[in-house]
C-alpha atoms as a PDB file:
ATOM      1  CA  MET A   1    -138.540  79.607  64.619  1.00  0.00           C
ATOM      2  CA  GLN A   2    -135.968  81.453  62.532  1.00  0.00           C
ATOM      3  CA  GLN A   3    -133.625  83.913  64.202  1.00  0.00           C
ATOM      4  CA  GLU A   4    -134.903  86.793  62.064  1.00  0.00           C
ATOM      5  CA  GLN A   5    -138.496  86.168  63.202  1.00  0.00           C
ATOM      6  CA  ILE A   6    -137.367  86.004  66.818  1.00  0.00           C
ATOM      7  CA  ASP A   7    -135.439  89.270  66.492  1.00  0.00           C
ATOM      8  CA  MET A   8    -138.405  91.048  64.871  1.00  0.00           C
ATOM      9  CA  ALA A   9    -140.804  89.856  67.588  1.00  0.00           C
ATOM     10  CA  ILE A  10    -138.406  91.028  70.316  1.00  0.00           C
ATOM     11  CA  ARG A  11    -137.940  94.426  68.648  1.00  0.00           C
ATOM     12  CA  ARG A  12    -141.700  94.906  68.343  1.00  0.00           C
ATOM     13  CA  PHE A  13    -142.177  94.140  72.023  1.00  0.00           C
ATOM     14  CA  LEU A  14    -139.308  96.378  73.141  1.00  0.00           C
ATOM     15  CA  LYS A  15    -140.593  99.236  70.976  1.00  0.00           C
ATOM     16  CA  GLU A  16    -143.968  99.001  72.742  1.00  0.00           C
ATOM     17  CA  VAL A  17    -142.222  98.855  76.124  1.00  0.00           C
ATOM     18  CA  GLY A  18    -140.180 101.950  75.291  1.00  0.00           C
ATOM     19  CA  ILE A  19    -143.103 103.999  74.014  1.00  0.00           C
ATOM     20  CA  THR A  20    -145.515 103.122  76.815  1.00  0.00           C
ATOM     21  CA  SER A  21    -142.847 103.433  79.530  1.00  0.00           C
ATOM     22  CA  HIS A  22    -141.808 106.850  78.242  1.00  0.00           C
ATOM     23  CA  ARG A  23    -145.414 108.021  78.251  1.00  0.00           C
ATOM     24  CA  ALA A  24    -146.095 106.673  81.753  1.00  0.00           C
ATOM     25  CA  LEU A  25    -142.933 108.232  83.172  1.00  0.00           C
ATOM     26  CA  ALA A  26    -143.593 111.617  81.520  1.00  0.00           C
ATOM     27  CA  GLU A  27    -147.148 111.671  82.924  1.00  0.00           C
ATOM     28  CA  ALA A  28    -145.917 110.744  86.406  1.00  0.00           C
ATOM     29  CA  LEU A  29    -143.300 113.521  86.278  1.00  0.00           C
ATOM     30  CA  GLU A  30    -145.964 116.079  85.344  1.00  0.00           C
ATOM     31  CA  ARG A  31    -148.006 115.139  88.438  1.00  0.00           C
ATOM     32  CA  ALA A  32    -145.047 114.883  90.809  1.00  0.00           C
ATOM     33  CA  GLU A  33    -143.926 117.538  93.228  1.00  0.00           C
ATOM     34  CA  LEU A  34    -140.175 117.223  92.917  1.00  0.00           C
ATOM     35  CA  LYS A  35    -137.463 118.778  95.026  1.00  0.00           C
ATOM     36  CA  GLU A  36    -134.929 120.797  93.056  1.00  0.00           C
ATOM     37  CA  GLY A  37    -131.876 118.735  92.118  1.00  0.00           C
ATOM     38  CA  GLN A  38    -133.189 115.455  93.497  1.00  0.00           C
ATOM     39  CA  PRO A  39    -132.512 112.543  91.121  1.00  0.00           C
ATOM     40  CA  ILE A  40    -135.213 109.913  90.683  1.00  0.00           C
ATOM     41  CA  GLN A  41    -134.325 106.265  91.210  1.00  0.00           C
ATOM     42  CA  LEU A  42    -135.737 103.919  88.565  1.00  0.00           C
ATOM     43  CA  THR A  43    -136.103 100.157  88.251  1.00  0.00           C
ATOM     44  CA  MET A  44    -137.262  98.317  85.154  1.00  0.00           C
ATOM     45  CA  THR A  45    -138.049  94.611  85.376  1.00  0.00           C
ATOM     46  CA  LEU A  46    -138.563  92.254  82.450  1.00  0.00           C
ATOM     47  CA  GLU A  47    -140.111  88.909  83.317  1.00  0.00           C
ATOM     48  CA  ALA A  48    -140.868  85.934  81.100  1.00  0.00           C
ATOM     49  CA  PRO A  49    -141.921  83.137  83.475  1.00  0.00           C
ATOM     50  CA  ALA A  50    -142.189  80.554  80.685  1.00  0.00           C
ATOM     51  CA  LEU A  51    -138.490  81.169  79.938  1.00  0.00           C
ATOM     52  CA  GLY A  52    -137.353  81.425  83.552  1.00  0.00           C
ATOM     53  CA  LEU A  53    -136.273  84.999  82.846  1.00  0.00           C
ATOM     54  CA  ARG A  54    -136.195  87.871  85.291  1.00  0.00           C
ATOM     55  CA  HIS A  55    -134.003  90.770  84.155  1.00  0.00           C
ATOM     56  CA  GLN A  56    -133.794  93.938  86.223  1.00  0.00           C
ATOM     57  CA  ILE A  57    -132.178  97.256  85.352  1.00  0.00           C
ATOM     58  CA  THR A  58    -131.743 100.046  87.875  1.00  0.00           C
ATOM     59  CA  GLY A  59    -130.751 103.596  87.162  1.00  0.00           C
ATOM     60  CA  GLU A  60    -131.236 107.214  87.976  1.00  0.00           C
ATOM     61  CA  LEU A  61    -133.103 109.972  86.206  1.00  0.00           C
ATOM     62  CA  ASP A  62    -131.223 113.227  86.718  1.00  0.00           C
ATOM     63  CA  LEU A  63    -133.466 116.013  85.459  1.00  0.00           C
ATOM     64  CA  ASN A  64    -130.756 118.640  86.021  1.00  0.00           C
ATOM     65  CA  ASN A  65    -128.264 116.868  83.777  1.00  0.00           C
ATOM     66  CA  PRO A  66    -130.131 114.894  81.079  1.00  0.00           C
ATOM     67  CA  GLU A  67    -126.955 113.836  79.230  1.00  0.00           C
END
């Protein structure tokens, strides 16, 4: 497989991940009863068992300071 095809396939997948994750998180925030000033801990995990890949990113969503 050529590198350009690989890159395009990865970008397509990550675009879908970004769009659907954004939507799911926004919907969850609308339903949530949040305490003022409390940041939200997040974890995103990417797994590709056939490749032996497990990549995890952790972070914080601070709604009071979105920058």
